[in-house]
Amino acid sequence: MGDNREPIENISGGPEGGGIADTFDPSEAKTRAEEVVDQLGERYWQKTYGGQDAFTCLVRTVLSQNTSDVASQPAHDDLMNRYGGDDLAESLAHAEHDDLADTIRSAGLYNQKADVLIEAGEEVLEKYGSAADFDRFVTEGEPSEVRSALLDMNGVGPKTADCVLLFSGGQAGVFPVDTHVHRIYRRLGIAPADADHEEVREVLEREIPANKCGFGHTASIQFGREFCTARKPACLDGPEACPMSDLCEQVGVDVESGEVVDPADAD
């Protein structure tokens, strides 16, 4: 990966996030969605993707489900310290449920996530032979086939599958949609207000060039946490408070009353 590592404070996870620092050429945006990503490029640094071990990435993403990085990172570190030997998939496949659940307790939903991780380890061993073989499948396989196989795994949804494709496979054109991305692009008016996660993903992958999708995902999360929060977006403090105000339709946000609703519930 070289020595030009990404800064540790970035939302993508520092050197363990699956990428290295890169330059970003905004070029001339052809859609409003691309223009949003280009403006985010002026605020947040850029990265390239790929290079993260696929099964480790899968485990990390499962732990992050329905919780924050602050909660899931310690759980990931504790899991890797205890089970991260020569083959993580084999270690988890043979893990005792209660011991694993206790190890990842800080991530929340630890009993459920322990079930998912043990079953994932068992499936990887059965279908691919080892974590290394699974990694080769993810990085070298046809993206739609890899995504389908990931979605067939218990506890793996579209966002988890897409994160593995992006951060491990380095697949261009993949735009994972988490709760922040789902909220932001409907609030902006780029995706339909009532669009589900998959429909938002389809809009973004259609309207944003493939080489900007990975960066667009991580930058959008950063923007969602810093400015476009669920309950109190920055625009409530005036247009100058939000760097996207010139591109946003503020769907579900009533600046005058201060009322904020899910875009799907907006008039």
Protein backbone atom coordinates (compact mmCIF):
# COMPACT_ATOMS: atom_id res chain seq x y z
CA MET A 1 0.00 0.00 0.00
CA GLY A 2 3.01 2.31 0.26
CA ASP A 3 3.85 4.84 2.93
CA ASN A 4 1.32 7.54 1.97
CA ARG A 5 -1.31 6.33 4.42
CA GLU A 6 -4.57 8.11 5.08
CA PRO A 7 -4.86 10.15 8.31
CA ILE A 8 -6.13 8.21 11.31
CA GLU A 9 -8.86 10.73 12.11
CA ASN A 10 -10.73 10.19 8.85
CA ILE A 11 -14.08 8.42 9.08
CA SER A 12 -12.82 5.58 6.89
CA GLY A 13 -10.69 4.17 9.66
CA GLY A 14 -7.12 5.26 9.15
CA PRO A 15 -4.54 2.87 7.67
CA GLU A 16 -6.87 -0.04 8.51
CA GLY A 17 -9.65 1.46 6.39
CA GLY A 18 -8.57 -0.21 3.15
CA GLY A 19 -6.96 2.62 1.21
CA ILE A 20 -4.22 5.20 0.80
CA ALA A 21 -4.36 8.95 0.22
CA ASP A 22 -5.00 9.96 -3.37
CA THR A 23 -5.57 13.10 -5.43
CA PHE A 24 -9.08 14.05 -6.48
CA ASP A 25 -10.00 15.69 -9.77
CA PRO A 26 -13.54 17.08 -9.57
CA SER A 27 -13.73 17.67 -13.37
CA GLU A 28 -17.03 19.05 -14.72
CA ALA A 29 -20.02 17.53 -12.95
CA LYS A 30 -22.71 16.13 -15.24
CA THR A 31 -25.32 15.59 -12.52
CA ARG A 32 -26.28 17.25 -9.25
CA ALA A 33 -25.22 14.10 -7.40
CA GLU A 34 -21.75 14.33 -8.91
CA GLU A 35 -21.62 18.03 -8.04
CA VAL A 36 -22.34 17.15 -4.40
CA VAL A 37 -19.47 14.65 -4.37
CA ASP A 38 -17.19 17.21 -6.03
CA GLN A 39 -17.98 19.78 -3.35
CA LEU A 40 -17.34 17.21 -0.67
CA GLY A 41 -13.98 16.69 -2.38
CA GLU A 42 -13.06 20.26 -1.56
CA ARG A 43 -13.76 19.69 2.13
CA TYR A 44 -12.54 16.15 2.84
CA TRP A 45 -9.39 14.40 1.71
CA GLN A 46 -9.56 11.56 -0.81
CA LYS A 47 -8.55 7.92 -0.84
CA THR A 48 -8.25 4.93 -3.12
CA TYR A 49 -9.80 1.62 -2.18
CA GLY A 50 -9.04 -2.07 -2.00
CA GLY A 51 -6.35 -3.98 -0.19
CA GLN A 52 -8.20 -4.85 3.01
CA ASP A 53 -8.53 -8.56 3.80
CA ALA A 54 -12.04 -9.54 2.74
CA PHE A 55 -13.06 -11.66 5.71
CA THR A 56 -11.63 -9.16 8.19
CA CYS A 57 -13.56 -6.43 6.39
CA LEU A 58 -16.73 -8.54 6.59
CA VAL A 59 -16.25 -9.03 10.33
CA ARG A 60 -15.57 -5.33 10.87
CA THR A 61 -18.67 -4.32 8.95
CA VAL A 62 -20.91 -6.79 10.78
CA LEU A 63 -19.68 -5.38 14.09
CA SER A 64 -20.47 -1.85 12.92
CA GLN A 65 -24.11 -2.64 12.15
CA ASN A 66 -26.59 -0.59 14.21
CA THR A 67 -23.88 1.08 16.26
CA SER A 68 -21.20 3.75 16.11
CA ASP A 69 -17.49 3.48 15.30
CA VAL A 70 -16.81 4.43 18.92
CA ALA A 71 -18.62 1.30 20.09
CA SER A 72 -17.64 -1.12 17.34
CA GLN A 73 -13.92 -0.37 17.06
CA PRO A 74 -13.05 -1.68 20.57
CA ALA A 75 -15.10 -4.80 19.84
CA HIS A 76 -13.16 -5.33 16.61
CA ASP A 77 -9.83 -4.82 18.38
CA ASP A 78 -10.77 -7.27 21.15
CA LEU A 79 -11.97 -9.83 18.60
CA MET A 80 -8.78 -9.60 16.58
CA ASN A 81 -6.64 -9.88 19.70
CA ARG A 82 -8.41 -13.08 20.72
CA TYR A 83 -9.28 -14.75 17.40
CA GLY A 84 -7.09 -13.12 14.77
CA GLY A 85 -4.58 -15.89 14.27
CA ASP A 86 -3.47 -17.52 11.04
CA ASP A 87 -7.04 -17.89 9.74
CA LEU A 88 -9.72 -15.67 11.25
CA ALA A 89 -12.51 -17.60 9.53
CA GLU A 90 -11.37 -20.87 11.09
CA SER A 91 -10.98 -19.25 14.51
CA LEU A 92 -14.52 -17.85 14.42
CA ALA A 93 -16.01 -21.04 13.01
CA HIS A 94 -14.77 -22.90 16.09
CA ALA A 95 -15.44 -20.11 18.59
CA GLU A 96 -17.68 -20.69 21.60
CA HIS A 97 -20.73 -18.50 21.20
CA ASP A 98 -20.76 -17.08 24.72
CA ASP A 99 -17.04 -16.32 24.67
CA LEU A 100 -17.30 -14.54 21.32
CA ALA A 101 -20.40 -12.62 22.40
CA ASP A 102 -18.63 -11.44 25.53
CA THR A 103 -15.60 -10.38 23.48
CA ILE A 104 -17.68 -8.17 21.17
CA ARG A 105 -20.10 -6.93 23.83
CA SER A 106 -19.23 -3.26 23.27
CA ALA A 107 -20.58 -3.44 19.69
CA GLY A 108 -24.14 -4.05 20.87
CA LEU A 109 -26.46 -6.85 19.70
CA TYR A 110 -23.54 -9.07 20.63
CA ASN A 111 -25.45 -12.36 20.81
CA GLN A 112 -26.92 -11.84 17.36
CA LYS A 113 -23.61 -10.69 15.90
CA ALA A 114 -21.78 -13.64 17.45
CA ASP A 115 -24.21 -15.98 15.66
CA VAL A 116 -23.60 -14.20 12.36
CA LEU A 117 -19.80 -14.27 12.71
CA ILE A 118 -19.64 -17.94 13.68
CA GLU A 119 -21.89 -18.89 10.79
CA ALA A 120 -19.85 -16.70 8.42
CA GLY A 121 -16.66 -18.46 9.49
CA GLU A 122 -18.28 -21.86 8.95
CA GLU A 123 -19.59 -20.87 5.51
CA VAL A 124 -16.25 -19.46 4.35
CA LEU A 125 -14.46 -22.67 5.38
CA GLU A 126 -17.09 -24.86 3.71
CA LYS A 127 -17.40 -22.95 0.44
CA TYR A 128 -13.92 -21.43 -0.03
CA GLY A 129 -11.58 -23.40 2.21
CA SER A 130 -9.98 -20.52 4.09
CA ALA A 131 -10.13 -16.78 4.68
CA ALA A 132 -7.34 -16.35 2.09
CA ASP A 133 -9.36 -18.21 -0.55
CA PHE A 134 -12.42 -16.10 0.30
CA ASP A 135 -10.29 -12.98 -0.17
CA ARG A 136 -9.23 -14.17 -3.63
CA PHE A 137 -12.87 -14.74 -4.55
CA VAL A 138 -13.83 -11.21 -3.47
CA THR A 139 -10.91 -9.47 -5.17
CA GLU A 140 -10.81 -11.52 -8.37
CA GLY A 141 -14.43 -12.59 -8.86
CA GLU A 142 -17.04 -10.94 -11.05
CA PRO A 143 -18.58 -8.17 -8.88
CA SER A 144 -22.22 -9.17 -9.33
CA GLU A 145 -21.37 -12.80 -8.49
CA VAL A 146 -19.42 -11.71 -5.40
CA ARG A 147 -22.24 -9.42 -4.26
CA SER A 148 -24.80 -12.18 -4.72
CA ALA A 149 -22.69 -14.63 -2.72
CA LEU A 150 -22.23 -12.11 0.08
CA LEU A 151 -25.95 -11.36 0.23
CA ASP A 152 -26.65 -15.08 0.57
CA MET A 153 -24.73 -15.11 3.86
CA ASN A 154 -26.83 -14.81 7.00
CA GLY A 155 -26.71 -11.33 8.52
CA VAL A 156 -25.14 -9.72 5.43
CA GLY A 157 -27.26 -6.99 3.87
CA PRO A 158 -26.61 -4.74 0.87
CA LYS A 159 -24.56 -2.17 2.79
CA THR A 160 -22.28 -4.83 4.31
CA ALA A 161 -21.84 -6.56 0.95
CA ASP A 162 -21.03 -3.29 -0.80
CA CYS A 163 -18.51 -2.29 1.86
CA VAL A 164 -16.68 -5.58 1.35
CA LEU A 165 -16.70 -5.02 -2.42
CA LEU A 166 -15.38 -1.49 -1.99
CA PHE A 167 -12.84 -1.78 0.80
CA SER A 168 -11.56 -5.25 -0.07
CA GLY A 169 -12.30 -5.75 -3.75
CA GLY A 170 -11.57 -2.14 -4.68
CA GLN A 171 -14.53 -2.32 -7.06
CA ALA A 172 -15.22 0.95 -8.85
CA GLY A 173 -18.82 2.09 -9.07
CA VAL A 174 -19.86 0.71 -5.67
CA PHE A 175 -21.64 3.23 -3.43
CA PRO A 176 -22.63 1.60 -0.11
CA VAL A 177 -25.71 3.15 1.44
CA ASP A 178 -25.85 3.39 5.23
CA THR A 179 -28.30 5.44 7.31
CA HIS A 180 -26.36 8.68 6.67
CA VAL A 181 -26.23 8.25 2.89
CA HIS A 182 -29.88 7.18 2.82
CA ARG A 183 -30.91 10.31 4.70
CA ILE A 184 -28.64 12.82 2.95
CA TYR A 185 -29.46 12.09 -0.68
CA ARG A 186 -33.19 12.01 -0.06
CA ARG A 187 -32.96 15.26 1.93
CA LEU A 188 -30.94 16.80 -0.90
CA GLY A 189 -33.72 15.79 -3.30
CA ILE A 190 -31.38 13.68 -5.42
CA ALA A 191 -33.14 10.41 -4.62
CA PRO A 192 -36.93 10.11 -4.23
CA ALA A 193 -38.11 10.98 -0.73
CA ASP A 194 -39.60 7.51 -0.22
CA ALA A 195 -36.70 5.58 -1.76
CA ASP A 196 -35.37 2.62 0.22
CA HIS A 197 -31.65 1.94 0.63
CA GLU A 198 -31.38 -0.07 -2.58
CA GLU A 199 -33.19 2.56 -4.61
CA VAL A 200 -30.89 5.28 -3.27
CA ARG A 201 -27.88 3.12 -4.19
CA GLU A 202 -29.18 2.67 -7.74
CA VAL A 203 -29.62 6.43 -8.16
CA LEU A 204 -26.13 7.24 -6.88
CA GLU A 205 -24.35 4.53 -8.86
CA ARG A 206 -26.16 5.73 -11.99
CA GLU A 207 -25.50 9.46 -11.52
CA ILE A 208 -21.99 9.47 -10.02
CA PRO A 209 -18.95 8.30 -12.04
CA ALA A 210 -17.56 4.95 -10.92
CA ASN A 211 -14.23 6.40 -9.79
CA LYS A 212 -16.00 8.83 -7.43
CA CYS A 213 -18.40 6.39 -5.77
CA GLY A 214 -16.04 5.04 -3.12
CA PHE A 215 -14.89 8.46 -2.03
CA GLY A 216 -18.46 9.75 -2.25
CA HIS A 217 -19.55 7.09 0.25
CA THR A 218 -17.00 7.90 2.94
CA ALA A 219 -17.20 11.68 2.42
CA SER A 220 -20.99 11.57 2.64
CA ILE A 221 -20.79 9.76 5.97
CA GLN A 222 -18.41 12.42 7.26
CA PHE A 223 -20.75 15.15 6.01
CA GLY A 224 -23.75 13.43 7.59
CA ARG A 225 -22.08 13.24 10.97
CA GLU A 226 -20.66 16.75 10.86
CA PHE A 227 -23.43 18.75 9.17
CA CYS A 228 -26.46 16.84 7.88
CA THR A 229 -27.45 15.07 11.09
CA ALA A 230 -30.78 13.32 11.48
CA ARG A 231 -32.38 15.56 14.10
CA LYS A 232 -30.59 18.90 13.82
CA PRO A 233 -29.03 19.53 10.42
CA ALA A 234 -26.76 22.56 10.14
CA CYS A 235 -29.16 24.33 7.76
CA LEU A 236 -31.40 25.13 10.74
CA ASP A 237 -28.74 27.70 11.68
CA GLY A 238 -28.96 29.36 8.27
CA PRO A 239 -27.71 28.60 4.75
CA GLU A 240 -24.19 29.75 5.57
CA ALA A 241 -23.92 26.95 8.18
CA CYS A 242 -24.09 24.16 5.60
CA PRO A 243 -21.62 23.77 2.70
CA MET A 244 -24.28 22.00 0.60
CA SER A 245 -27.00 24.64 0.98
CA ASP A 246 -26.78 25.72 -2.66
CA LEU A 247 -27.46 22.15 -3.83
CA CYS A 248 -30.01 21.01 -1.24
CA GLU A 249 -33.81 20.96 -1.52
CA GLN A 250 -34.11 20.45 2.26
CA VAL A 251 -36.73 17.74 1.90
CA GLY A 252 -38.23 17.15 5.33
CA VAL A 253 -36.58 20.22 6.89
CA ASP A 254 -38.64 23.29 7.78
CA VAL A 255 -36.09 25.99 8.58
CA GLU A 256 -38.69 28.47 9.83
CA SER A 257 -40.32 26.14 12.37
CA GLY A 258 -37.22 24.06 13.06
CA GLU A 259 -39.19 20.87 12.40
CA VAL A 260 -37.22 18.00 10.91
CA VAL A 261 -38.87 14.80 9.65
CA ASP A 262 -37.78 11.87 7.53
CA PRO A 263 -37.98 12.94 3.86
CA ALA A 264 -40.57 10.22 3.25
CA ASP A 265 -42.86 11.96 5.76
CA ALA A 266 -42.47 15.44 4.28
CA ASP A 267 -45.42 17.18 2.64
